[in-house]
Amino acid sequence: MIMEPKEKYLRHTYSYLALRKAVGWIGILLPFTLMLGVFLIFKGEIIQKSISHYYHSGMGDVLVGALCAVALFMFFYSGYDKWDDWTGNVAGFFAIGVAWFPTTEVGASDLTGKIHFTCAALFFLTLAIFSLFLFTRKGSNPTPQKLTRNKIYVVCGLIIIACLVAIATYLNFIHSDNHGSGFVFWAEAIALVAFGVSWLTKGGTLYPDK
């Protein structure tokens, strides 16, 4: 049976929205999956110094796999114009950097750790750009649902920015070595949840157009 063009278009659209939702769920569930995995399977310390420090735990493969999955989607992400495409490529590049250049386990950061930290910060910043500037674009007659979604995007973007500022402030002025504290972990977890909610909304989970 030959598929009608309209039906084919709808199937591709629904598949694309499903991928957006999948990326959103990865962002939301990743911190808690790492925590539970370390606790239930490996009997290790539940809350690490940061999400990146789970690389050195038994859940390291899960962390790298999740980041690579997000990076792969970002590379193939196709938005409304070239700015969407380029921003997706940049986010994918930084996600790969976070995955392939692990953070330093203890002590001062070496070159690999510095590359990791830079990629992580720029990755979160790129996600904030998606929420604040790209997802919020609207046509001449936006629906009420679209206006509500834009509010969600802005809140999520601002939360990501606030988390980045909080982490930078904490590491530079409050507790530079982050020893024995879960502050960075929780700030990153909140940022990932905000990222996930933003992409779930973009995928049609929250306030879809009727």
Protein backbone atom coordinates (compact mmCIF):
# COMPACT_ATOMS: atom_id res chain seq x y z
CA MET A 1 0.00 0.00 0.00
CA ILE A 2 1.37 3.40 -1.02
CA MET A 3 1.36 5.97 1.78
CA GLU A 4 -0.32 9.27 1.00
CA PRO A 5 2.00 12.33 1.18
CA LYS A 6 -0.05 13.89 3.98
CA GLU A 7 -0.02 10.68 6.02
CA LYS A 8 3.71 10.32 5.48
CA TYR A 9 4.27 13.91 6.61
CA LEU A 10 2.20 13.35 9.76
CA ARG A 11 4.11 10.18 10.63
CA HIS A 12 7.44 11.99 10.27
CA THR A 13 6.13 14.87 12.38
CA TYR A 14 4.95 12.60 15.18
CA SER A 15 8.26 10.71 15.10
CA TYR A 16 10.17 13.98 15.37
CA LEU A 17 8.03 15.14 18.30
CA ALA A 18 8.62 11.77 19.96
CA LEU A 19 12.39 12.29 19.66
CA ARG A 20 12.07 15.72 21.27
CA LYS A 21 10.15 14.13 24.12
CA ALA A 22 12.79 11.43 24.46
CA VAL A 23 15.53 14.06 24.77
CA GLY A 24 13.46 15.85 27.38
CA TRP A 25 13.00 12.70 29.43
CA ILE A 26 16.73 11.96 29.24
CA GLY A 27 17.43 15.38 30.75
CA ILE A 28 14.87 14.97 33.52
CA LEU A 29 15.67 11.38 34.48
CA LEU A 30 19.46 11.34 34.10
CA PRO A 31 20.42 12.76 37.54
CA PHE A 32 18.03 10.45 39.38
CA THR A 33 18.97 7.42 37.30
CA LEU A 34 22.62 7.96 38.16
CA MET A 35 21.79 8.32 41.85
CA LEU A 36 19.66 5.19 42.01
CA GLY A 37 22.10 3.16 39.92
CA VAL A 38 25.04 3.98 42.15
CA PHE A 39 23.01 3.28 45.29
CA LEU A 40 21.14 0.13 44.25
CA ILE A 41 23.67 -1.58 41.96
CA PHE A 42 27.10 -0.40 43.00
CA LYS A 43 26.45 0.53 46.64
CA GLY A 44 28.45 3.72 46.21
CA GLU A 45 28.00 7.31 47.30
CA ILE A 46 24.58 8.42 46.10
CA ILE A 47 25.32 12.10 45.53
CA GLN A 48 28.63 12.81 43.81
CA LYS A 49 30.36 16.18 43.64
CA SER A 50 28.69 16.81 40.30
CA ILE A 51 26.81 14.86 37.67
CA SER A 52 30.04 14.61 35.70
CA HIS A 53 31.71 12.77 38.61
CA TYR A 54 29.44 9.79 38.00
CA TYR A 55 31.80 9.10 35.09
CA HIS A 56 34.18 7.64 37.66
CA SER A 57 31.47 5.48 39.24
CA GLY A 58 29.84 2.30 38.02
CA MET A 59 27.27 4.45 36.18
CA GLY A 60 29.87 6.06 33.94
CA ASP A 61 28.70 4.20 30.84
CA VAL A 62 25.12 5.34 31.46
CA LEU A 63 26.26 8.96 31.71
CA VAL A 64 28.32 8.78 28.51
CA GLY A 65 25.55 6.93 26.67
CA ALA A 66 22.94 9.52 27.65
CA LEU A 67 25.18 12.40 26.57
CA CYS A 68 25.96 10.74 23.24
CA ALA A 69 22.24 10.12 22.64
CA VAL A 70 21.49 13.79 23.25
CA ALA A 71 24.43 14.82 21.05
CA LEU A 72 23.26 12.58 18.21
CA PHE A 73 19.80 14.11 18.27
CA MET A 74 21.22 17.62 18.38
CA PHE A 75 23.38 16.96 15.33
CA PHE A 76 20.34 15.81 13.37
CA TYR A 77 18.01 18.41 14.85
CA SER A 78 16.32 20.46 12.15
CA GLY A 79 14.44 23.54 13.27
CA TYR A 80 12.77 26.35 11.40
CA ASP A 81 15.90 27.92 9.96
CA LYS A 82 19.69 27.82 9.92
CA TRP A 83 19.93 29.29 13.43
CA ASP A 84 18.10 26.28 14.83
CA ASP A 85 20.33 23.94 12.86
CA TRP A 86 23.57 25.63 13.87
CA THR A 87 22.58 25.91 17.52
CA GLY A 88 21.72 22.21 17.51
CA ASN A 89 25.12 21.37 16.02
CA VAL A 90 26.88 23.50 18.62
CA ALA A 91 24.94 21.83 21.45
CA GLY A 92 25.79 18.40 20.04
CA PHE A 93 29.48 19.31 19.80
CA PHE A 94 29.60 20.42 23.44
CA ALA A 95 27.64 17.36 24.59
CA ILE A 96 30.24 15.14 22.91
CA GLY A 97 32.97 17.17 24.61
CA VAL A 98 31.37 16.57 28.00
CA ALA A 99 31.14 12.83 27.29
CA TRP A 100 34.58 12.29 25.77
CA PHE A 101 36.62 14.53 28.08
CA PRO A 102 35.77 13.37 31.62
CA THR A 103 36.08 15.62 34.62
CA THR A 104 39.03 15.26 36.95
CA GLU A 105 38.20 12.76 39.69
CA VAL A 106 40.13 14.46 42.51
CA GLY A 107 42.34 17.49 43.00
CA ALA A 108 42.91 20.36 40.60
CA SER A 109 41.59 20.03 37.07
CA ASP A 110 44.01 18.85 34.41
CA LEU A 111 43.68 19.80 30.74
CA THR A 112 41.00 17.16 30.12
CA GLY A 113 39.07 18.36 33.14
CA LYS A 114 39.24 21.97 31.97
CA ILE A 115 37.98 21.00 28.51
CA HIS A 116 35.16 19.10 30.19
CA PHE A 117 34.19 22.03 32.40
CA THR A 118 34.22 24.45 29.46
CA CYS A 119 32.12 22.14 27.29
CA ALA A 120 29.64 21.57 30.12
CA ALA A 121 29.19 25.28 30.76
CA LEU A 122 28.77 26.06 27.05
CA PHE A 123 26.40 23.11 26.61
CA PHE A 124 24.08 24.43 29.32
CA LEU A 125 24.38 27.94 27.89
CA THR A 126 23.36 26.66 24.45
CA LEU A 127 20.35 24.90 25.97
CA ALA A 128 19.35 28.19 27.58
CA ILE A 129 19.60 29.89 24.17
CA PHE A 130 17.22 27.31 22.74
CA SER A 131 14.66 28.02 25.46
CA LEU A 132 14.98 31.79 25.60
CA PHE A 133 15.44 32.77 21.97
CA LEU A 134 14.62 29.93 19.57
CA PHE A 135 11.66 28.12 21.09
CA THR A 136 9.92 31.40 21.91
CA ARG A 137 9.71 32.62 18.33
CA LYS A 138 6.13 32.97 17.12
CA GLY A 139 4.17 33.91 14.06
CA SER A 140 1.81 36.82 13.58
CA ASN A 141 -1.15 35.03 15.19
CA PRO A 142 0.15 32.77 17.98
CA THR A 143 -2.35 30.51 19.69
CA PRO A 144 -3.05 30.86 23.43
CA GLN A 145 -1.26 27.54 23.89
CA LYS A 146 1.82 28.91 22.12
CA LEU A 147 1.88 31.96 24.38
CA THR A 148 1.68 29.68 27.43
CA ARG A 149 4.47 27.50 26.06
CA ASN A 150 6.64 30.58 25.57
CA LYS A 151 6.28 31.40 29.25
CA ILE A 152 7.46 27.88 30.11
CA TYR A 153 10.44 28.24 27.75
CA VAL A 154 11.46 31.54 29.32
CA VAL A 155 11.19 30.18 32.87
CA CYS A 156 13.23 27.09 31.92
CA GLY A 157 15.89 29.20 30.20
CA LEU A 158 16.19 31.55 33.15
CA ILE A 159 16.49 28.59 35.54
CA ILE A 160 19.37 27.19 33.48
CA ILE A 161 21.13 30.56 33.48
CA ALA A 162 20.57 30.94 37.24
CA CYS A 163 22.05 27.49 37.85
CA LEU A 164 25.14 28.34 35.80
CA VAL A 165 25.63 31.57 37.73
CA ALA A 166 25.13 29.75 41.04
CA ILE A 167 27.70 27.09 40.13
CA ALA A 168 30.26 29.67 38.99
CA THR A 169 29.73 31.72 42.15
CA TYR A 170 30.01 28.67 44.37
CA LEU A 171 33.18 27.31 42.78
CA ASN A 172 34.97 30.66 42.56
CA PHE A 173 33.98 32.39 45.77
CA ILE A 174 32.48 29.94 48.24
CA HIS A 175 33.95 26.47 47.97
CA SER A 176 36.56 26.27 45.24
CA ASP A 177 37.36 22.57 45.59
CA ASN A 178 33.73 21.46 46.01
CA HIS A 179 34.93 18.80 48.46
CA GLY A 180 32.19 16.83 50.14
CA SER A 181 29.37 19.00 48.83
CA GLY A 182 26.48 18.19 46.52
CA PHE A 183 25.77 21.81 45.61
CA VAL A 184 27.05 21.52 42.04
CA PHE A 185 25.23 18.23 41.56
CA TRP A 186 21.87 19.67 42.60
CA ALA A 187 22.38 22.84 40.55
CA GLU A 188 23.17 20.74 37.48
CA ALA A 189 20.22 18.46 38.21
CA ILE A 190 17.84 21.44 38.37
CA ALA A 191 19.27 22.78 35.10
CA LEU A 192 18.79 19.39 33.43
CA VAL A 193 15.21 19.17 34.65
CA ALA A 194 14.55 22.66 33.24
CA PHE A 195 16.11 21.58 29.95
CA GLY A 196 13.95 18.47 29.93
CA VAL A 197 10.73 20.34 30.64
CA SER A 198 11.52 22.80 27.86
CA TRP A 199 12.05 20.03 25.31
CA LEU A 200 9.03 18.06 26.49
CA THR A 201 6.98 21.20 25.95
CA LYS A 202 8.50 21.65 22.50
CA GLY A 203 7.62 18.04 21.76
CA GLY A 204 3.95 18.69 22.40
CA THR A 205 3.62 17.21 25.88
CA LEU A 206 2.57 20.46 27.56
CA TYR A 207 -0.03 22.85 26.10
CA PRO A 208 -0.06 21.52 22.53
CA ASP A 209 -2.00 23.42 19.90
CA LYS A 210 -5.50 22.06 19.48
